[in-house]
């Protein structure tokens, strides 16, 4: 499965800039790692570690998760001032004036709520040798030992794509495209002239106009891109009006789109709520039965509680005193 690369995020951030100036209506967690940010009639759908795109509004979970409630508390109703890529990485930052959300779309993914650059709370607490993701820490993107493809020096020896992959912070998927545009075979031996042509081709990737496509083979999608690719000339493809539409089409075609996630999440929530309710009901029935069978000592203990004699009351009921108090709604038990 093709995952969103850093060049894809570059173009996605450019497209999502159309949201700037709108207010966040709501935030939802729709699955284990699926989130939605609602702006008017559109939802920014996010699957941590995989993708993000703008789509139509989808059913919302009946019960908000604790993390989505935190996002609502800090961000609901705020105006989106900026949306940008961080450090030419698979990172999107949604800025809300002093507060922001960082979407990490690499590895297993993460979502972090920041205030003035410091972490209010991460969705997943993590600690690495170069950074710590926990409340109060300053947020830093992960470091990279590869260079920005727009400015880094390129190797002039070695097999083209493998050698470039060691030096250039760009997915092999797009390094192949640069080689195709430069007329260099993917495993062709490099020299100074070939590196110069690849340098020009890399620059051209960033100046493309959005003309998003999904490529098909045997009627099934196998790749997407924010622009047409020379390396896939002759392949079946379909144009889309936006990169978000192309991403939605690609992932829905392979059965991995988030459109079904909210419904599944709602169903799961209902089942969990039913199990929790049944458990509490059974506990309450058991406690009620015990109180009925021990009415005299319960009355005596509660009378002592009302007189402020908790120690004496606990001598009668012990650890059961608190549970009896909760069941009978007696305070200070």
C-alpha atoms as a PDB file:
ATOM      1  CA  UNK A   1       0.000   0.000   0.000  1.00  0.00           C
ATOM      2  CA  UNK A   2       1.359   3.429  -0.957  1.00  0.00           C
ATOM      3  CA  UNK A   3       1.602   5.728   2.042  1.00  0.00           C
ATOM      4  CA  UNK A   4       1.679   9.500   1.994  1.00  0.00           C
ATOM      5  CA  UNK A   5       5.234  10.730   1.354  1.00  0.00           C
ATOM      6  CA  UNK A   6       6.816  14.042   2.313  1.00  0.00           C
ATOM      7  CA  UNK A   7       6.362  15.430  -1.210  1.00  0.00           C
ATOM      8  CA  UNK A   8       2.685  14.448  -1.046  1.00  0.00           C
ATOM      9  CA  UNK A   9       2.363  16.327   2.248  1.00  0.00           C
ATOM     10  CA  UNK A  10       4.015  19.354   0.615  1.00  0.00           C
ATOM     11  CA  UNK A  11       1.261  19.511  -2.011  1.00  0.00           C
ATOM     12  CA  UNK A  12      -1.482  18.534   0.437  1.00  0.00           C
ATOM     13  CA  UNK A  13      -0.567  21.434   2.731  1.00  0.00           C
ATOM     14  CA  UNK A  14      -0.732  23.767  -0.268  1.00  0.00           C
ATOM     15  CA  UNK A  15      -4.210  22.462  -1.122  1.00  0.00           C
ATOM     16  CA  UNK A  16      -5.487  22.566   2.464  1.00  0.00           C
ATOM     17  CA  UNK A  17      -4.517  26.239   2.735  1.00  0.00           C
ATOM     18  CA  UNK A  18      -8.042  26.886   1.433  1.00  0.00           C
ATOM     19  CA  UNK A  19      -9.254  26.094   4.972  1.00  0.00           C
ATOM     20  CA  UNK A  20      -7.348  28.997   6.479  1.00  0.00           C
ATOM     21  CA  UNK A  21      -9.695  31.571   7.963  1.00  0.00           C
ATOM     22  CA  UNK A  22     -12.443  29.049   8.759  1.00  0.00           C
ATOM     23  CA  UNK A  23     -13.370  27.979  12.267  1.00  0.00           C
ATOM     24  CA  UNK A  24     -13.057  24.510  13.732  1.00  0.00           C
ATOM     25  CA  UNK A  25     -16.590  23.300  14.395  1.00  0.00           C
ATOM     26  CA  UNK A  26     -15.638  20.073  16.124  1.00  0.00           C
ATOM     27  CA  UNK A  27     -13.070  17.311  16.556  1.00  0.00           C
ATOM     28  CA  UNK A  28     -13.811  13.596  16.649  1.00  0.00           C
ATOM     29  CA  UNK A  29     -11.945  10.388  17.294  1.00  0.00           C
ATOM     30  CA  UNK A  30     -13.513   7.799  14.993  1.00  0.00           C
ATOM     31  CA  UNK A  31     -11.301   4.797  15.629  1.00  0.00           C
ATOM     32  CA  UNK A  32      -8.081   3.665  17.238  1.00  0.00           C
ATOM     33  CA  UNK A  33      -6.034   6.095  15.130  1.00  0.00           C
ATOM     34  CA  UNK A  34      -8.695   7.869  13.047  1.00  0.00           C
ATOM     35  CA  UNK A  35      -9.570  11.514  13.710  1.00  0.00           C
ATOM     36  CA  UNK A  36     -11.752  14.081  11.990  1.00  0.00           C
ATOM     37  CA  UNK A  37     -11.594  17.861  12.213  1.00  0.00           C
ATOM     38  CA  UNK A  38     -14.806  19.505  11.040  1.00  0.00           C
ATOM     39  CA  UNK A  39     -14.656  22.799   9.166  1.00  0.00           C
ATOM     40  CA  UNK A  40     -18.120  23.753   7.888  1.00  0.00           C
ATOM     41  CA  UNK A  41     -19.352  21.145   5.429  1.00  0.00           C
ATOM     42  CA  UNK A  42     -15.969  19.415   5.181  1.00  0.00           C
ATOM     43  CA  UNK A  43     -14.040  17.027   7.420  1.00  0.00           C
ATOM     44  CA  UNK A  44     -10.277  16.794   7.515  1.00  0.00           C
ATOM     45  CA  UNK A  45      -9.901  13.020   7.808  1.00  0.00           C
ATOM     46  CA  UNK A  46      -6.706  11.776   9.453  1.00  0.00           C
ATOM     47  CA  UNK A  47      -5.337   8.299  10.004  1.00  0.00           C
ATOM     48  CA  UNK A  48      -2.228   8.662  12.142  1.00  0.00           C
ATOM     49  CA  UNK A  49       0.864   7.240  10.517  1.00  0.00           C
ATOM     50  CA  UNK A  50      -0.813   6.946   7.112  1.00  0.00           C
ATOM     51  CA  UNK A  51      -2.726   9.816   5.542  1.00  0.00           C
ATOM     52  CA  UNK A  52      -4.837  12.958   5.767  1.00  0.00           C
ATOM     53  CA  UNK A  53      -7.250  14.499   3.268  1.00  0.00           C
ATOM     54  CA  UNK A  54     -10.280  16.760   3.072  1.00  0.00           C
ATOM     55  CA  UNK A  55     -13.593  14.972   2.492  1.00  0.00           C
ATOM     56  CA  UNK A  56     -17.326  15.166   2.983  1.00  0.00           C
ATOM     57  CA  UNK A  57     -18.818  15.172   6.480  1.00  0.00           C
ATOM     58  CA  UNK A  58     -19.220  11.709   7.974  1.00  0.00           C
ATOM     59  CA  UNK A  59     -21.327  10.368  10.876  1.00  0.00           C
ATOM     60  CA  UNK A  60     -19.897  11.397  14.234  1.00  0.00           C
ATOM     61  CA  UNK A  61     -19.334   8.979  17.143  1.00  0.00           C
ATOM     62  CA  UNK A  62     -22.097   9.109  19.756  1.00  0.00           C
ATOM     63  CA  UNK A  63     -19.649   9.282  22.643  1.00  0.00           C
ATOM     64  CA  UNK A  64     -16.566  11.522  22.335  1.00  0.00           C
ATOM     65  CA  UNK A  65     -13.251  10.087  23.476  1.00  0.00           C
ATOM     66  CA  UNK A  66     -11.295  11.819  26.222  1.00  0.00           C
ATOM     67  CA  UNK A  67      -8.727  13.054  23.730  1.00  0.00           C
ATOM     68  CA  UNK A  68     -11.343  14.499  21.365  1.00  0.00           C
ATOM     69  CA  UNK A  69     -12.931  16.280  24.353  1.00  0.00           C
ATOM     70  CA  UNK A  70      -9.532  17.804  25.138  1.00  0.00           C
ATOM     71  CA  UNK A  71      -9.215  19.025  21.537  1.00  0.00           C
ATOM     72  CA  UNK A  72     -12.703  20.540  21.707  1.00  0.00           C
ATOM     73  CA  UNK A  73     -11.951  22.302  24.974  1.00  0.00           C
ATOM     74  CA  UNK A  74      -8.889  24.024  23.533  1.00  0.00           C
ATOM     75  CA  UNK A  75      -9.774  24.496  19.862  1.00  0.00           C
ATOM     76  CA  UNK A  76     -13.500  24.361  19.095  1.00  0.00           C
ATOM     77  CA  UNK A  77     -14.677  27.650  17.633  1.00  0.00           C
ATOM     78  CA  UNK A  78     -11.140  28.907  17.007  1.00  0.00           C
ATOM     79  CA  UNK A  79     -10.120  30.213  13.611  1.00  0.00           C
ATOM     80  CA  UNK A  80      -7.580  28.188  11.634  1.00  0.00           C
ATOM     81  CA  UNK A  81      -4.811  30.686  10.960  1.00  0.00           C
ATOM     82  CA  UNK A  82      -2.365  28.414   9.158  1.00  0.00           C
ATOM     83  CA  UNK A  83      -1.807  24.899   7.929  1.00  0.00           C
ATOM     84  CA  UNK A  84       1.711  23.967   6.939  1.00  0.00           C
ATOM     85  CA  UNK A  85       4.223  21.200   6.529  1.00  0.00           C
ATOM     86  CA  UNK A  86       6.990  21.041   9.128  1.00  0.00           C
ATOM     87  CA  UNK A  87      10.582  20.506   8.034  1.00  0.00           C
ATOM     88  CA  UNK A  88       9.734  18.827   4.713  1.00  0.00           C
ATOM     89  CA  UNK A  89       8.572  15.793   6.654  1.00  0.00           C
ATOM     90  CA  UNK A  90       5.306  13.884   6.890  1.00  0.00           C
ATOM     91  CA  UNK A  91       4.116  16.440   9.417  1.00  0.00           C
ATOM     92  CA  UNK A  92       1.145  18.794   9.198  1.00  0.00           C
ATOM     93  CA  UNK A  93       0.625  21.609  11.685  1.00  0.00           C
ATOM     94  CA  UNK A  94      -2.777  23.261  12.080  1.00  0.00           C
ATOM     95  CA  UNK A  95      -2.280  26.666  13.724  1.00  0.00           C
ATOM     96  CA  UNK A  96      -5.062  28.269  15.757  1.00  0.00           C
ATOM     97  CA  UNK A  97      -3.298  31.352  17.106  1.00  0.00           C
ATOM     98  CA  UNK A  98      -1.030  30.337  19.998  1.00  0.00           C
ATOM     99  CA  UNK A  99      -2.377  26.800  19.972  1.00  0.00           C
ATOM    100  CA  UNK A 100      -1.841  24.183  17.319  1.00  0.00           C
ATOM    101  CA  UNK A 101      -2.251  20.532  16.396  1.00  0.00           C
ATOM    102  CA  UNK A 102       0.603  18.536  14.886  1.00  0.00           C
ATOM    103  CA  UNK A 103      -0.298  15.473  12.835  1.00  0.00           C
ATOM    104  CA  UNK A 104       2.516  12.943  12.550  1.00  0.00           C
ATOM    105  CA  UNK A 105       1.836  10.849   9.450  1.00  0.00           C
ATOM    106  CA  UNK A 106       4.882   8.580   9.649  1.00  0.00           C
ATOM    107  CA  UNK A 107       5.685   5.332  11.461  1.00  0.00           C
ATOM    108  CA  UNK A 108       2.825   4.470  13.862  1.00  0.00           C
ATOM    109  CA  UNK A 109       1.728   8.102  13.914  1.00  0.00           C
ATOM    110  CA  UNK A 110       0.803  10.579  16.619  1.00  0.00           C
ATOM    111  CA  UNK A 111      -1.272  13.696  17.227  1.00  0.00           C
ATOM    112  CA  UNK A 112      -0.111  16.427  19.558  1.00  0.00           C
ATOM    113  CA  UNK A 113      -1.880  19.463  21.012  1.00  0.00           C
ATOM    114  CA  UNK A 114       0.575  22.338  21.474  1.00  0.00           C
ATOM    115  CA  UNK A 115       0.453  25.762  23.102  1.00  0.00           C
ATOM    116  CA  UNK A 116       3.194  28.236  22.217  1.00  0.00           C
ATOM    117  CA  UNK A 117       5.299  25.348  20.952  1.00  0.00           C
ATOM    118  CA  UNK A 118       5.016  23.272  24.125  1.00  0.00           C
ATOM    119  CA  UNK A 119       3.127  19.998  24.313  1.00  0.00           C
ATOM    120  CA  UNK A 120      -0.189  20.234  26.153  1.00  0.00           C
ATOM    121  CA  UNK A 121      -0.801  16.563  25.541  1.00  0.00           C
ATOM    122  CA  UNK A 122       0.222  13.970  22.958  1.00  0.00           C
ATOM    123  CA  UNK A 123      -2.173  11.269  21.845  1.00  0.00           C
ATOM    124  CA  UNK A 124       0.646   8.798  22.522  1.00  0.00           C
ATOM    125  CA  UNK A 125       3.307   9.458  25.139  1.00  0.00           C
ATOM    126  CA  UNK A 126       6.690   8.559  23.653  1.00  0.00           C
ATOM    127  CA  UNK A 127      10.348   9.034  24.456  1.00  0.00           C
ATOM    128  CA  UNK A 128      13.188   8.868  21.946  1.00  0.00           C
ATOM    129  CA  UNK A 129      16.902   9.603  22.185  1.00  0.00           C
ATOM    130  CA  UNK A 130      16.398  12.932  20.378  1.00  0.00           C
ATOM    131  CA  UNK A 131      12.994  14.072  21.689  1.00  0.00           C
ATOM    132  CA  UNK A 132      10.349  13.442  24.332  1.00  0.00           C
ATOM    133  CA  UNK A 133       6.636  13.590  23.612  1.00  0.00           C
ATOM    134  CA  UNK A 134       4.928  14.343  26.910  1.00  0.00           C
ATOM    135  CA  UNK A 135       3.149  17.354  28.494  1.00  0.00           C
ATOM    136  CA  UNK A 136       5.327  20.383  29.168  1.00  0.00           C
ATOM    137  CA  UNK A 137       8.074  19.444  26.711  1.00  0.00           C
ATOM    138  CA  UNK A 138       8.932  21.663  23.754  1.00  0.00           C
ATOM    139  CA  UNK A 139       7.896  19.930  20.554  1.00  0.00           C
ATOM    140  CA  UNK A 140      10.617  19.047  18.048  1.00  0.00           C
ATOM    141  CA  UNK A 141      10.146  17.153  14.775  1.00  0.00           C
ATOM    142  CA  UNK A 142      12.280  14.021  14.476  1.00  0.00           C
ATOM    143  CA  UNK A 143      15.798  14.721  13.146  1.00  0.00           C
ATOM    144  CA  UNK A 144      16.860  13.506   9.714  1.00  0.00           C
ATOM    145  CA  UNK A 145      20.298  12.637   8.400  1.00  0.00           C
ATOM    146  CA  UNK A 146      19.156  13.231   4.810  1.00  0.00           C
ATOM    147  CA  UNK A 147      19.091  16.532   2.960  1.00  0.00           C
ATOM    148  CA  UNK A 148      16.239  18.591   1.546  1.00  0.00           C
ATOM    149  CA  UNK A 149      15.926  17.583  -2.142  1.00  0.00           C
ATOM    150  CA  UNK A 150      15.662  21.256  -3.125  1.00  0.00           C
ATOM    151  CA  UNK A 151      19.099  22.172  -1.789  1.00  0.00           C
ATOM    152  CA  UNK A 152      21.203  19.181  -0.701  1.00  0.00           C
ATOM    153  CA  UNK A 153      24.230  17.946  -2.643  1.00  0.00           C
ATOM    154  CA  UNK A 154      23.705  14.842  -4.752  1.00  0.00           C
ATOM    155  CA  UNK A 155      26.003  11.852  -5.144  1.00  0.00           C
ATOM    156  CA  UNK A 156      27.889  11.570  -8.439  1.00  0.00           C
ATOM    157  CA  UNK A 157      28.593   7.848  -8.215  1.00  0.00           C
ATOM    158  CA  UNK A 158      26.713   4.686  -7.380  1.00  0.00           C
ATOM    159  CA  UNK A 159      23.472   3.275  -8.725  1.00  0.00           C
ATOM    160  CA  UNK A 160      20.999   6.130  -9.176  1.00  0.00           C
ATOM    161  CA  UNK A 161      17.992   5.530  -6.904  1.00  0.00           C
ATOM    162  CA  UNK A 162      19.833   3.517  -4.197  1.00  0.00           C
ATOM    163  CA  UNK A 163      22.594   6.167  -4.010  1.00  0.00           C
ATOM    164  CA  UNK A 164      20.109   9.049  -3.952  1.00  0.00           C
ATOM    165  CA  UNK A 165      18.045   7.339  -1.224  1.00  0.00           C
ATOM    166  CA  UNK A 166      21.015   7.488   1.138  1.00  0.00           C
ATOM    167  CA  UNK A 167      21.453  11.247   0.723  1.00  0.00           C
ATOM    168  CA  UNK A 168      18.113  12.787  -0.259  1.00  0.00           C
ATOM    169  CA  UNK A 169      15.075  13.108   1.996  1.00  0.00           C
ATOM    170  CA  UNK A 170      12.594  11.920  -0.609  1.00  0.00           C
ATOM    171  CA  UNK A 171      10.747   8.634  -1.036  1.00  0.00           C
ATOM    172  CA  UNK A 172      12.169   6.300  -3.727  1.00  0.00           C
ATOM    173  CA  UNK A 173       8.766   6.611  -5.430  1.00  0.00           C
ATOM    174  CA  UNK A 174       9.582  10.228  -6.364  1.00  0.00           C
ATOM    175  CA  UNK A 175      13.339   9.694  -6.766  1.00  0.00           C
ATOM    176  CA  UNK A 176      12.379   7.311  -9.574  1.00  0.00           C
ATOM    177  CA  UNK A 177      10.249  10.045 -11.108  1.00  0.00           C
ATOM    178  CA  UNK A 178      13.185  12.482 -10.987  1.00  0.00           C
ATOM    179  CA  UNK A 179      15.385   9.913 -12.710  1.00  0.00           C
ATOM    180  CA  UNK A 180      12.720   9.342 -15.387  1.00  0.00           C
ATOM    181  CA  UNK A 181      12.543  13.081 -16.069  1.00  0.00           C
ATOM    182  CA  UNK A 182      16.333  13.252 -16.214  1.00  0.00           C
ATOM    183  CA  UNK A 183      16.568  10.285 -18.594  1.00  0.00           C
ATOM    184  CA  UNK A 184      18.529   8.208 -16.066  1.00  0.00           C
ATOM    185  CA  UNK A 185      17.760   4.554 -15.329  1.00  0.00           C
ATOM    186  CA  UNK A 186      16.779   3.740 -11.766  1.00  0.00           C
ATOM    187  CA  UNK A 187      19.896   1.596 -11.264  1.00  0.00           C
ATOM    188  CA  UNK A 188      22.116   3.315 -13.802  1.00  0.00           C
ATOM    189  CA  UNK A 189      25.587   4.341 -12.640  1.00  0.00           C
ATOM    190  CA  UNK A 190      25.734   8.044 -11.788  1.00  0.00           C
ATOM    191  CA  UNK A 191      28.261  10.613 -12.949  1.00  0.00           C
ATOM    192  CA  UNK A 192      28.468  14.400 -12.639  1.00  0.00           C
ATOM    193  CA  UNK A 193      26.323  15.092 -15.720  1.00  0.00           C
ATOM    194  CA  UNK A 194      23.583  12.673 -14.702  1.00  0.00           C
ATOM    195  CA  UNK A 195      23.522  14.164 -11.198  1.00  0.00           C
ATOM    196  CA  UNK A 196      23.153  17.634 -12.709  1.00  0.00           C
ATOM    197  CA  UNK A 197      20.152  16.500 -14.758  1.00  0.00           C
ATOM    198  CA  UNK A 198      18.609  14.811 -11.723  1.00  0.00           C
ATOM    199  CA  UNK A 199      19.102  18.033  -9.755  1.00  0.00           C
ATOM    200  CA  UNK A 200      17.037  19.928 -12.335  1.00  0.00           C
ATOM    201  CA  UNK A 201      14.403  17.183 -12.341  1.00  0.00           C
ATOM    202  CA  UNK A 202      14.103  17.283  -8.547  1.00  0.00           C
ATOM    203  CA  UNK A 203      13.472  21.013  -8.719  1.00  0.00           C
ATOM    204  CA  UNK A 204      10.722  20.492 -11.277  1.00  0.00           C
ATOM    205  CA  UNK A 205       8.787  18.254  -8.866  1.00  0.00           C
ATOM    206  CA  UNK A 206       8.174  21.214  -6.566  1.00  0.00           C
ATOM    207  CA  UNK A 207       6.913  23.571  -9.268  1.00  0.00           C
ATOM    208  CA  UNK A 208       4.232  21.260 -10.665  1.00  0.00           C
ATOM    209  CA  UNK A 209       0.648  22.450 -10.728  1.00  0.00           C
ATOM    210  CA  UNK A 210      -1.789  20.225  -8.884  1.00  0.00           C
ATOM    211  CA  UNK A 211      -3.269  17.769 -11.391  1.00  0.00           C
ATOM    212  CA  UNK A 212      -3.984  14.857  -9.083  1.00  0.00           C
ATOM    213  CA  UNK A 213      -4.234  11.332 -10.437  1.00  0.00           C
ATOM    214  CA  UNK A 214      -4.731   7.730  -9.349  1.00  0.00           C
ATOM    215  CA  UNK A 215      -3.046   5.029 -11.435  1.00  0.00           C
ATOM    216  CA  UNK A 216      -4.693   1.682 -12.133  1.00  0.00           C
ATOM    217  CA  UNK A 217      -3.512  -1.735 -13.193  1.00  0.00           C
ATOM    218  CA  UNK A 218      -6.022  -4.451 -13.992  1.00  0.00           C
ATOM    219  CA  UNK A 219      -8.783  -2.119 -12.859  1.00  0.00           C
ATOM    220  CA  UNK A 220      -7.269  -1.741  -9.375  1.00  0.00           C
ATOM    221  CA  UNK A 221      -5.464   1.367  -8.044  1.00  0.00           C
ATOM    222  CA  UNK A 222      -1.789   0.930  -7.303  1.00  0.00           C
ATOM    223  CA  UNK A 223      -0.482   4.509  -6.973  1.00  0.00           C
ATOM    224  CA  UNK A 224      -1.488   8.137  -6.540  1.00  0.00           C
ATOM    225  CA  UNK A 225       0.278  11.427  -7.135  1.00  0.00           C
ATOM    226  CA  UNK A 226      -0.499  15.161  -6.927  1.00  0.00           C
ATOM    227  CA  UNK A 227       0.602  15.415 -10.587  1.00  0.00           C
ATOM    228  CA  UNK A 228       1.067  13.142 -13.598  1.00  0.00           C
ATOM    229  CA  UNK A 229       4.197  10.991 -13.525  1.00  0.00           C
ATOM    230  CA  UNK A 230       6.538  10.450 -16.432  1.00  0.00           C
ATOM    231  CA  UNK A 231       7.579   7.044 -15.102  1.00  0.00           C
ATOM    232  CA  UNK A 232       3.984   5.825 -15.494  1.00  0.00           C
ATOM    233  CA  UNK A 233       3.409   7.093 -19.020  1.00  0.00           C
ATOM    234  CA  UNK A 234       1.073   4.697 -20.801  1.00  0.00           C
ATOM    235  CA  UNK A 235      -0.505   3.459 -17.562  1.00  0.00           C
ATOM    236  CA  UNK A 236      -4.229   3.732 -16.988  1.00  0.00           C
ATOM    237  CA  UNK A 237      -5.086   6.705 -14.749  1.00  0.00           C
ATOM    238  CA  UNK A 238      -7.958   8.898 -13.628  1.00  0.00           C
ATOM    239  CA  UNK A 239      -7.840  12.670 -13.048  1.00  0.00           C
ATOM    240  CA  UNK A 240      -9.329  14.253  -9.943  1.00  0.00           C
ATOM    241  CA  UNK A 241     -10.286  17.831  -9.144  1.00  0.00           C
ATOM    242  CA  UNK A 242      -8.260  17.789  -5.927  1.00  0.00           C
ATOM    243  CA  UNK A 243      -5.492  15.789  -4.301  1.00  0.00           C
ATOM    244  CA  UNK A 244      -7.841  15.005  -1.403  1.00  0.00           C
ATOM    245  CA  UNK A 245     -10.303  13.389  -3.812  1.00  0.00           C
ATOM    246  CA  UNK A 246      -7.538  11.293  -5.339  1.00  0.00           C
ATOM    247  CA  UNK A 247      -6.388  10.127  -1.894  1.00  0.00           C
ATOM    248  CA  UNK A 248      -9.939   9.285  -0.851  1.00  0.00           C
ATOM    249  CA  UNK A 249     -10.498   7.313  -4.067  1.00  0.00           C
ATOM    250  CA  UNK A 250      -7.221   5.426  -3.703  1.00  0.00           C
ATOM    251  CA  UNK A 251      -7.733   4.343  -0.094  1.00  0.00           C
ATOM    252  CA  UNK A 252     -11.428   3.541  -0.498  1.00  0.00           C
ATOM    253  CA  UNK A 253     -10.590   1.332  -3.487  1.00  0.00           C
ATOM    254  CA  UNK A 254      -8.244  -0.811  -1.423  1.00  0.00           C
ATOM    255  CA  UNK A 255     -10.733  -1.049   1.429  1.00  0.00           C
ATOM    256  CA  UNK A 256      -8.803   1.226   3.765  1.00  0.00           C
ATOM    257  CA  UNK A 257     -10.727   4.499   3.589  1.00  0.00           C
ATOM    258  CA  UNK A 258     -11.850   6.031   6.884  1.00  0.00           C
ATOM    259  CA  UNK A 259     -15.450   6.507   5.692  1.00  0.00           C
ATOM    260  CA  UNK A 260     -16.484   3.238   7.336  1.00  0.00           C
ATOM    261  CA  UNK A 261     -14.554   3.874  10.529  1.00  0.00           C
ATOM    262  CA  UNK A 262     -17.070   6.192  12.253  1.00  0.00           C
ATOM    263  CA  UNK A 263     -19.870   3.650  11.910  1.00  0.00           C
ATOM    264  CA  UNK A 264     -17.667   0.826  13.168  1.00  0.00           C
ATOM    265  CA  UNK A 265     -16.495   3.019  16.033  1.00  0.00           C
ATOM    266  CA  UNK A 266     -20.105   3.911  16.965  1.00  0.00           C
ATOM    267  CA  UNK A 267     -21.071   0.232  16.961  1.00  0.00           C
ATOM    268  CA  UNK A 268     -18.082  -0.622  19.132  1.00  0.00           C
ATOM    269  CA  UNK A 269     -18.922   2.221  21.533  1.00  0.00           C
ATOM    270  CA  UNK A 270     -22.493   0.996  21.915  1.00  0.00           C
ATOM    271  CA  UNK A 271     -21.353  -2.548  22.685  1.00  0.00           C
ATOM    272  CA  UNK A 272     -18.800  -1.312  25.222  1.00  0.00           C
ATOM    273  CA  UNK A 273     -21.378   0.985  26.847  1.00  0.00           C
ATOM    274  CA  UNK A 274     -23.857  -1.910  27.087  1.00  0.00           C
ATOM    275  CA  UNK A 275     -21.257  -4.172  28.715  1.00  0.00           C
ATOM    276  CA  UNK A 276     -20.307  -1.407  31.168  1.00  0.00           C
ATOM    277  CA  UNK A 277     -23.967  -0.756  32.030  1.00  0.00           C
ATOM    278  CA  UNK A 278     -24.651  -4.468  32.565  1.00  0.00           C
ATOM    279  CA  UNK A 279     -21.605  -4.716  34.841  1.00  0.00           C
ATOM    280  CA  UNK A 280     -22.702  -1.725  36.940  1.00  0.00           C
ATOM    281  CA  UNK A 281     -26.272  -3.040  37.107  1.00  0.00           C
ATOM    282  CA  UNK A 282     -25.060  -6.425  38.389  1.00  0.00           C
ATOM    283  CA  UNK A 283     -22.869  -4.705  40.974  1.00  0.00           C
ATOM    284  CA  UNK A 284     -25.758  -2.515  42.132  1.00  0.00           C
ATOM    285  CA  UNK A 285     -28.100  -5.523  42.435  1.00  0.00           C
ATOM    286  CA  UNK A 286     -25.525  -7.353  44.520  1.00  0.00           C
ATOM    287  CA  UNK A 287     -24.957  -4.354  46.791  1.00  0.00           C
ATOM    288  CA  UNK A 288     -28.710  -3.805  47.165  1.00  0.00           C
ATOM    289  CA  UNK A 289     -29.231  -7.421  48.117  1.00  0.00           C
ATOM    290  CA  UNK A 290     -26.467  -7.198  50.727  1.00  0.00           C
ATOM    291  CA  UNK A 291     -27.995  -4.025  52.230  1.00  0.00           C
ATOM    292  CA  UNK A 292     -31.412  -5.708  52.462  1.00  0.00           C
ATOM    293  CA  UNK A 293     -29.877  -8.657  54.291  1.00  0.00           C
ATOM    294  CA  UNK A 294     -27.950  -6.376  56.664  1.00  0.00           C
ATOM    295  CA  UNK A 295     -30.493  -3.618  57.208  1.00  0.00           C
ATOM    296  CA  UNK A 296     -29.898  -3.190  60.956  1.00  0.00           C
ATOM    297  CA  UNK A 297     -26.087  -2.674  60.908  1.00  0.00           C
ATOM    298  CA  UNK A 298     -26.435  -0.451  57.811  1.00  0.00           C
ATOM    299  CA  UNK A 299     -28.965   1.796  59.585  1.00  0.00           C
ATOM    300  CA  UNK A 300     -26.752   1.933  62.657  1.00  0.00           C
ATOM    301  CA  UNK A 301     -23.640   2.829  60.607  1.00  0.00           C
ATOM    302  CA  UNK A 302     -25.432   5.550  58.629  1.00  0.00           C
ATOM    303  CA  UNK A 303     -26.740   7.087  61.841  1.00  0.00           C
ATOM    304  CA  UNK A 304     -23.153   7.327  63.092  1.00  0.00           C
ATOM    305  CA  UNK A 305     -22.082   8.889  59.771  1.00  0.00           C
ATOM    306  CA  UNK A 306     -24.723  11.608  60.147  1.00  0.00           C
ATOM    307  CA  UNK A 307     -23.296  12.342  63.594  1.00  0.00           C
ATOM    308  CA  UNK A 308     -19.836  12.667  62.075  1.00  0.00           C
ATOM    309  CA  UNK A 309     -18.579   9.449  63.696  1.00  0.00           C
ATOM    310  CA  UNK A 310     -16.950   7.856  60.638  1.00  0.00           C
ATOM    311  CA  UNK A 311     -14.465   5.771  62.642  1.00  0.00           C
ATOM    312  CA  UNK A 312     -17.245   4.116  64.635  1.00  0.00           C
ATOM    313  CA  UNK A 313     -19.275   3.565  61.469  1.00  0.00           C
ATOM    314  CA  UNK A 314     -16.332   1.879  59.742  1.00  0.00           C
ATOM    315  CA  UNK A 315     -15.934  -0.484  62.671  1.00  0.00           C
ATOM    316  CA  UNK A 316     -19.421  -1.760  61.856  1.00  0.00           C
ATOM    317  CA  UNK A 317     -19.276  -1.955  58.040  1.00  0.00           C
ATOM    318  CA  UNK A 318     -15.560  -1.697  57.275  1.00  0.00           C
ATOM    319  CA  UNK A 319     -14.710  -1.362  53.566  1.00  0.00           C
ATOM    320  CA  UNK A 320     -18.360  -1.761  52.583  1.00  0.00           C
ATOM    321  CA  UNK A 321     -19.228   1.648  54.076  1.00  0.00           C
ATOM    322  CA  UNK A 322     -18.174   3.660  51.005  1.00  0.00           C
ATOM    323  CA  UNK A 323     -20.080   1.411  48.608  1.00  0.00           C
ATOM    324  CA  UNK A 324     -23.215   1.612  50.780  1.00  0.00           C
ATOM    325  CA  UNK A 325     -22.909   5.387  50.872  1.00  0.00           C
ATOM    326  CA  UNK A 326     -22.590   5.635  47.083  1.00  0.00           C
ATOM    327  CA  UNK A 327     -25.558   3.357  46.534  1.00  0.00           C
ATOM    328  CA  UNK A 328     -27.767   5.284  48.985  1.00  0.00           C
ATOM    329  CA  UNK A 329     -26.272   8.633  47.823  1.00  0.00           C
ATOM    330  CA  UNK A 330     -25.065   9.587  51.277  1.00  0.00           C
ATOM    331  CA  UNK A 331     -22.263  12.163  51.097  1.00  0.00           C
ATOM    332  CA  UNK A 332     -19.032  12.085  53.110  1.00  0.00           C
ATOM    333  CA  UNK A 333     -19.045   8.315  53.544  1.00  0.00           C
END
